[in-house]
Amino acid sequence: LGYITAVPAIFLIAFFLGALGLLLSN
């Protein structure tokens, strides 16, 4: 069941780290 409940957490973490990377790239 953890594979399912982890999906929103992974998406939120990816959004944060992706946005941080985009900010640095800009």
PDB file of all heavy atoms in Angstrom:
ATOM      1  N   LEU A   1       0.822  -1.199   0.000  1.00  0.00           N
ATOM      2  CA  LEU A   1       0.000   0.000   0.000  1.00  0.00           C
ATOM      3  C   LEU A   1       0.863   1.258   0.000  1.00  0.00           C
ATOM      4  O   LEU A   1       0.436   2.317  -0.465  1.00  0.00           O
ATOM      5  CB  LEU A   1      -0.934  -0.003   1.217  1.00  0.00           C
ATOM      6  CG  LEU A   1      -2.027   1.066   1.247  1.00  0.00           C
ATOM      7  CD1 LEU A   1      -2.913   0.975   0.008  1.00  0.00           C
ATOM      8  CD2 LEU A   1      -2.853   0.955   2.507  1.00  0.00           C
ATOM      9  N   GLY A   2       2.099   1.119   0.492  1.00  0.00           N
ATOM     10  CA  GLY A   2       3.000   2.264   0.511  1.00  0.00           C
ATOM     11  C   GLY A   2       3.375   2.749  -0.874  1.00  0.00           C
ATOM     12  O   GLY A   2       3.667   3.940  -1.061  1.00  0.00           O
ATOM     13  N   TYR A   3       3.357   1.853  -1.863  1.00  0.00           N
ATOM     14  CA  TYR A   3       3.637   2.263  -3.236  1.00  0.00           C
ATOM     15  C   TYR A   3       2.582   3.251  -3.741  1.00  0.00           C
ATOM     16  O   TYR A   3       2.875   4.098  -4.588  1.00  0.00           O
ATOM     17  CB  TYR A   3       3.680   1.039  -4.152  1.00  0.00           C
ATOM     18  CG  TYR A   3       4.920   0.199  -3.997  1.00  0.00           C
ATOM     19  CD1 TYR A   3       4.893  -0.982  -3.244  1.00  0.00           C
ATOM     20  CD2 TYR A   3       6.123   0.566  -4.590  1.00  0.00           C
ATOM     21  CE1 TYR A   3       6.030  -1.760  -3.104  1.00  0.00           C
ATOM     22  CE2 TYR A   3       7.261  -0.202  -4.453  1.00  0.00           C
ATOM     23  CZ  TYR A   3       7.207  -1.369  -3.712  1.00  0.00           C
ATOM     24  OH  TYR A   3       8.343  -2.128  -3.558  1.00  0.00           O
ATOM     25  N   ILE A   4       1.385   3.122  -3.223  1.00  0.00           N
ATOM     26  CA  ILE A   4       0.302   4.019  -3.656  1.00  0.00           C
ATOM     27  C   ILE A   4       0.340   5.323  -2.870  1.00  0.00           C
ATOM     28  O   ILE A   4       0.256   6.411  -3.444  1.00  0.00           O
ATOM     29  CB  ILE A   4      -1.062   3.316  -3.474  1.00  0.00           C
ATOM     30  CG1 ILE A   4      -1.117   2.037  -4.320  1.00  0.00           C
ATOM     31  CG2 ILE A   4      -2.205   4.264  -3.851  1.00  0.00           C
ATOM     32  CD1 ILE A   4      -2.380   1.235  -4.136  1.00  0.00           C
ATOM     33  N   THR A   5       0.489   5.225  -1.559  1.00  0.00           N
ATOM     34  CA  THR A   5       0.479   6.438  -0.727  1.00  0.00           C
ATOM     35  C   THR A   5       1.721   7.298  -0.945  1.00  0.00           C
ATOM     36  O   THR A   5       1.719   8.483  -0.577  1.00  0.00           O
ATOM     37  CB  THR A   5       0.374   6.056   0.760  1.00  0.00           C
ATOM     38  OG1 THR A   5       1.449   5.165   1.101  1.00  0.00           O
ATOM     39  CG2 THR A   5      -0.953   5.365   1.050  1.00  0.00           C
ATOM     40  N   ALA A   6       2.760   6.723  -1.529  1.00  0.00           N
ATOM     41  CA  ALA A   6       3.985   7.493  -1.771  1.00  0.00           C
ATOM     42  C   ALA A   6       3.897   8.358  -3.027  1.00  0.00           C
ATOM     43  O   ALA A   6       4.710   9.275  -3.188  1.00  0.00           O
ATOM     44  CB  ALA A   6       5.187   6.557  -1.873  1.00  0.00           C
ATOM     45  N   VAL A   7       2.932   8.076  -3.898  1.00  0.00           N
ATOM     46  CA  VAL A   7       2.845   8.814  -5.171  1.00  0.00           C
ATOM     47  C   VAL A   7       2.676  10.321  -4.959  1.00  0.00           C
ATOM     48  O   VAL A   7       3.428  11.119  -5.540  1.00  0.00           O
ATOM     49  CB  VAL A   7       1.706   8.246  -6.050  1.00  0.00           C
ATOM     50  CG1 VAL A   7       1.487   9.127  -7.281  1.00  0.00           C
ATOM     51  CG2 VAL A   7       2.035   6.829  -6.482  1.00  0.00           C
ATOM     52  N   PRO A   8       1.703  10.783  -4.136  1.00  0.00           N
ATOM     53  CA  PRO A   8       1.584  12.235  -3.934  1.00  0.00           C
ATOM     54  C   PRO A   8       2.840  12.848  -3.331  1.00  0.00           C
ATOM     55  O   PRO A   8       3.219  13.973  -3.686  1.00  0.00           O
ATOM     56  CB  PRO A   8       0.374  12.370  -2.993  1.00  0.00           C
ATOM     57  CG  PRO A   8      -0.376  11.100  -3.126  1.00  0.00           C
ATOM     58  CD  PRO A   8       0.652  10.053  -3.394  1.00  0.00           C
ATOM     59  N   ALA A   9       3.486  12.125  -2.411  1.00  0.00           N
ATOM     60  CA  ALA A   9       4.698  12.649  -1.782  1.00  0.00           C
ATOM     61  C   ALA A   9       5.813  12.811  -2.806  1.00  0.00           C
ATOM     62  O   ALA A   9       6.518  13.825  -2.828  1.00  0.00           O
ATOM     63  CB  ALA A   9       5.149  11.722  -0.647  1.00  0.00           C
ATOM     64  N   ILE A  10       5.983  11.823  -3.674  1.00  0.00           N
ATOM     65  CA  ILE A  10       7.031  11.896  -4.699  1.00  0.00           C
ATOM     66  C   ILE A  10       6.758  13.048  -5.656  1.00  0.00           C
ATOM     67  O   ILE A  10       7.674  13.785  -6.048  1.00  0.00           O
ATOM     68  CB  ILE A  10       7.135  10.562  -5.457  1.00  0.00           C
ATOM     69  CG1 ILE A  10       7.589   9.450  -4.507  1.00  0.00           C
ATOM     70  CG2 ILE A  10       8.104  10.680  -6.629  1.00  0.00           C
ATOM     71  CD1 ILE A  10       7.583   8.067  -5.131  1.00  0.00           C
ATOM     72  N   PHE A  11       5.501  13.237  -6.029  1.00  0.00           N
ATOM     73  CA  PHE A  11       5.153  14.333  -6.937  1.00  0.00           C
ATOM     74  C   PHE A  11       5.455  15.681  -6.291  1.00  0.00           C
ATOM     75  O   PHE A  11       6.007  16.577  -6.945  1.00  0.00           O
ATOM     76  CB  PHE A  11       3.678  14.242  -7.330  1.00  0.00           C
ATOM     77  CG  PHE A  11       3.461  13.635  -8.686  1.00  0.00           C
ATOM     78  CD1 PHE A  11       3.340  12.262  -8.836  1.00  0.00           C
ATOM     79  CD2 PHE A  11       3.389  14.433  -9.809  1.00  0.00           C
ATOM     80  CE1 PHE A  11       3.150  11.692 -10.076  1.00  0.00           C
ATOM     81  CE2 PHE A  11       3.204  13.880 -11.056  1.00  0.00           C
ATOM     82  CZ  PHE A  11       3.075  12.503 -11.198  1.00  0.00           C
ATOM     83  N   LEU A  12       5.091  15.842  -5.015  1.00  0.00           N
ATOM     84  CA  LEU A  12       5.345  17.114  -4.346  1.00  0.00           C
ATOM     85  C   LEU A  12       6.844  17.373  -4.220  1.00  0.00           C
ATOM     86  O   LEU A  12       7.323  18.500  -4.462  1.00  0.00           O
ATOM     87  CB  LEU A  12       4.692  17.107  -2.964  1.00  0.00           C
ATOM     88  CG  LEU A  12       4.855  18.393  -2.134  1.00  0.00           C
ATOM     89  CD1 LEU A  12       4.279  19.598  -2.874  1.00  0.00           C
ATOM     90  CD2 LEU A  12       4.187  18.236  -0.772  1.00  0.00           C
ATOM     91  N   ILE A  13       7.597  16.348  -3.856  1.00  0.00           N
ATOM     92  CA  ILE A  13       9.052  16.488  -3.736  1.00  0.00           C
ATOM     93  C   ILE A  13       9.659  16.816  -5.094  1.00  0.00           C
ATOM     94  O   ILE A  13      10.552  17.676  -5.204  1.00  0.00           O
ATOM     95  CB  ILE A  13       9.662  15.196  -3.160  1.00  0.00           C
ATOM     96  CG1 ILE A  13       9.173  14.973  -1.730  1.00  0.00           C
ATOM     97  CG2 ILE A  13      11.181  15.251  -3.200  1.00  0.00           C
ATOM     98  CD1 ILE A  13       9.486  13.589  -1.184  1.00  0.00           C
ATOM     99  N   ALA A  14       9.186  16.147  -6.145  1.00  0.00           N
ATOM    100  CA  ALA A  14       9.705  16.404  -7.493  1.00  0.00           C
ATOM    101  C   ALA A  14       9.381  17.821  -7.947  1.00  0.00           C
ATOM    102  O   ALA A  14      10.191  18.467  -8.621  1.00  0.00           O
ATOM    103  CB  ALA A  14       9.131  15.379  -8.472  1.00  0.00           C
ATOM    104  N   PHE A  15       8.196  18.324  -7.584  1.00  0.00           N
ATOM    105  CA  PHE A  15       7.833  19.696  -7.926  1.00  0.00           C
ATOM    106  C   PHE A  15       8.778  20.680  -7.240  1.00  0.00           C
ATOM    107  O   PHE A  15       9.244  21.644  -7.861  1.00  0.00           O
ATOM    108  CB  PHE A  15       6.389  19.980  -7.516  1.00  0.00           C
ATOM    109  CG  PHE A  15       5.388  19.768  -8.620  1.00  0.00           C
ATOM    110  CD1 PHE A  15       5.113  18.485  -9.083  1.00  0.00           C
ATOM    111  CD2 PHE A  15       4.745  20.834  -9.207  1.00  0.00           C
ATOM    112  CE1 PHE A  15       4.209  18.272 -10.093  1.00  0.00           C
ATOM    113  CE2 PHE A  15       3.833  20.640 -10.228  1.00  0.00           C
ATOM    114  CZ  PHE A  15       3.563  19.361 -10.674  1.00  0.00           C
ATOM    115  N   PHE A  16       9.064  20.445  -5.965  1.00  0.00           N
ATOM    116  CA  PHE A  16       9.940  21.341  -5.222  1.00  0.00           C
ATOM    117  C   PHE A  16      11.356  21.339  -5.789  1.00  0.00           C
ATOM    118  O   PHE A  16      11.928  22.399  -6.084  1.00  0.00           O
ATOM    119  CB  PHE A  16       9.958  20.938  -3.751  1.00  0.00           C
ATOM    120  CG  PHE A  16      11.059  21.575  -2.961  1.00  0.00           C
ATOM    121  CD1 PHE A  16      11.177  22.955  -2.875  1.00  0.00           C
ATOM    122  CD2 PHE A  16      12.010  20.789  -2.307  1.00  0.00           C
ATOM    123  CE1 PHE A  16      12.205  23.550  -2.145  1.00  0.00           C
ATOM    124  CE2 PHE A  16      13.036  21.369  -1.587  1.00  0.00           C
ATOM    125  CZ  PHE A  16      13.135  22.749  -1.509  1.00  0.00           C
ATOM    126  N   LEU A  17      11.929  20.150  -5.947  1.00  0.00           N
ATOM    127  CA  LEU A  17      13.301  20.058  -6.427  1.00  0.00           C
ATOM    128  C   LEU A  17      13.414  20.467  -7.890  1.00  0.00           C
ATOM    129  O   LEU A  17      14.415  21.059  -8.301  1.00  0.00           O
ATOM    130  CB  LEU A  17      13.824  18.633  -6.225  1.00  0.00           C
ATOM    131  CG  LEU A  17      13.887  18.159  -4.761  1.00  0.00           C
ATOM    132  CD1 LEU A  17      14.319  16.713  -4.684  1.00  0.00           C
ATOM    133  CD2 LEU A  17      14.832  19.042  -3.961  1.00  0.00           C
ATOM    134  N   GLY A  18      12.382  20.172  -8.683  1.00  0.00           N
ATOM    135  CA  GLY A  18      12.385  20.612 -10.076  1.00  0.00           C
ATOM    136  C   GLY A  18      12.305  22.122 -10.197  1.00  0.00           C
ATOM    137  O   GLY A  18      12.999  22.737 -11.016  1.00  0.00           O
ATOM    138  N   ALA A  19      11.446  22.740  -9.368  1.00  0.00           N
ATOM    139  CA  ALA A  19      11.334  24.205  -9.376  1.00  0.00           C
ATOM    140  C   ALA A  19      12.630  24.851  -8.906  1.00  0.00           C
ATOM    141  O   ALA A  19      13.048  25.888  -9.437  1.00  0.00           O
ATOM    142  CB  ALA A  19      10.171  24.649  -8.497  1.00  0.00           C
ATOM    143  N   LEU A  20      13.290  24.237  -7.927  1.00  0.00           N
ATOM    144  CA  LEU A  20      14.578  24.755  -7.458  1.00  0.00           C
ATOM    145  C   LEU A  20      15.610  24.687  -8.577  1.00  0.00           C
ATOM    146  O   LEU A  20      16.384  25.635  -8.788  1.00  0.00           O
ATOM    147  CB  LEU A  20      15.042  23.952  -6.248  1.00  0.00           C
ATOM    148  CG  LEU A  20      16.409  24.337  -5.667  1.00  0.00           C
ATOM    149  CD1 LEU A  20      16.393  25.772  -5.162  1.00  0.00           C
ATOM    150  CD2 LEU A  20      16.795  23.376  -4.539  1.00  0.00           C
ATOM    151  N   GLY A  21      15.626  23.580  -9.293  1.00  0.00           N
ATOM    152  CA  GLY A  21      16.546  23.449 -10.410  1.00  0.00           C
ATOM    153  C   GLY A  21      16.267  24.444 -11.521  1.00  0.00           C
ATOM    154  O   GLY A  21      17.187  25.017 -12.112  1.00  0.00           O
ATOM    155  N   LEU A  22      14.980  24.672 -11.809  1.00  0.00           N
ATOM    156  CA  LEU A  22      14.615  25.652 -12.834  1.00  0.00           C
ATOM    157  C   LEU A  22      15.024  27.061 -12.422  1.00  0.00           C
ATOM    158  O   LEU A  22      15.476  27.858 -13.255  1.00  0.00           O
ATOM    159  CB  LEU A  22      13.112  25.593 -13.106  1.00  0.00           C
ATOM    160  CG  LEU A  22      12.607  24.374 -13.875  1.00  0.00           C
ATOM    161  CD1 LEU A  22      11.093  24.434 -14.020  1.00  0.00           C
ATOM    162  CD2 LEU A  22      13.253  24.282 -15.243  1.00  0.00           C
ATOM    163  N   LEU A  23      14.846  27.358 -11.150  1.00  0.00           N
ATOM    164  CA  LEU A  23      15.255  28.674 -10.662  1.00  0.00           C
ATOM    165  C   LEU A  23      16.756  28.875 -10.847  1.00  0.00           C
ATOM    166  O   LEU A  23      17.206  29.928 -11.322  1.00  0.00           O
ATOM    167  CB  LEU A  23      14.878  28.815  -9.186  1.00  0.00           C
ATOM    168  CG  LEU A  23      15.368  30.085  -8.477  1.00  0.00           C
ATOM    169  CD1 LEU A  23      14.774  31.338  -9.131  1.00  0.00           C
ATOM    170  CD2 LEU A  23      15.013  30.043  -6.995  1.00  0.00           C
ATOM    171  N   LEU A  24      17.536  27.860 -10.497  1.00  0.00           N
ATOM    172  CA  LEU A  24      18.987  27.967 -10.657  1.00  0.00           C
ATOM    173  C   LEU A  24      19.373  28.052 -12.131  1.00  0.00           C
ATOM    174  O   LEU A  24      20.283  28.801 -12.500  1.00  0.00           O
ATOM    175  CB  LEU A  24      19.663  26.767  -9.998  1.00  0.00           C
ATOM    176  CG  LEU A  24      19.546  26.688  -8.477  1.00  0.00           C
ATOM    177  CD1 LEU A  24      20.119  25.375  -7.957  1.00  0.00           C
ATOM    178  CD2 LEU A  24      20.251  27.859  -7.816  1.00  0.00           C
ATOM    179  N   SER A  25      18.681  27.279 -12.974  1.00  0.00           N
ATOM    180  CA  SER A  25      18.994  27.316 -14.406  1.00  0.00           C
ATOM    181  C   SER A  25      18.691  28.678 -15.007  1.00  0.00           C
ATOM    182  O   SER A  25      19.362  29.112 -15.952  1.00  0.00           O
ATOM    183  CB  SER A  25      18.213  26.224 -15.145  1.00  0.00           C
ATOM    184  OG  SER A  25      16.818  26.536 -15.184  1.00  0.00           O
ATOM    185  N   ASN A  26      17.672  29.362 -14.490  1.00  0.00           N
ATOM    186  CA  ASN A  26      17.341  30.691 -15.001  1.00  0.00           C
ATOM    187  C   ASN A  26      18.349  31.737 -14.545  1.00  0.00           C
ATOM    188  O   ASN A  26      18.521  32.768 -15.200  1.00  0.00           O
ATOM    189  CB  ASN A  26      15.937  31.101 -14.530  1.00  0.00           C
ATOM    190  CG  ASN A  26      14.857  30.242 -15.150  1.00  0.00           C
ATOM    191  OD1 ASN A  26      15.012  29.708 -16.240  1.00  0.00           O
ATOM    192  ND2 ASN A  26      13.750  30.078 -14.441  1.00  0.00           N
TER     193      ASN A  26
END
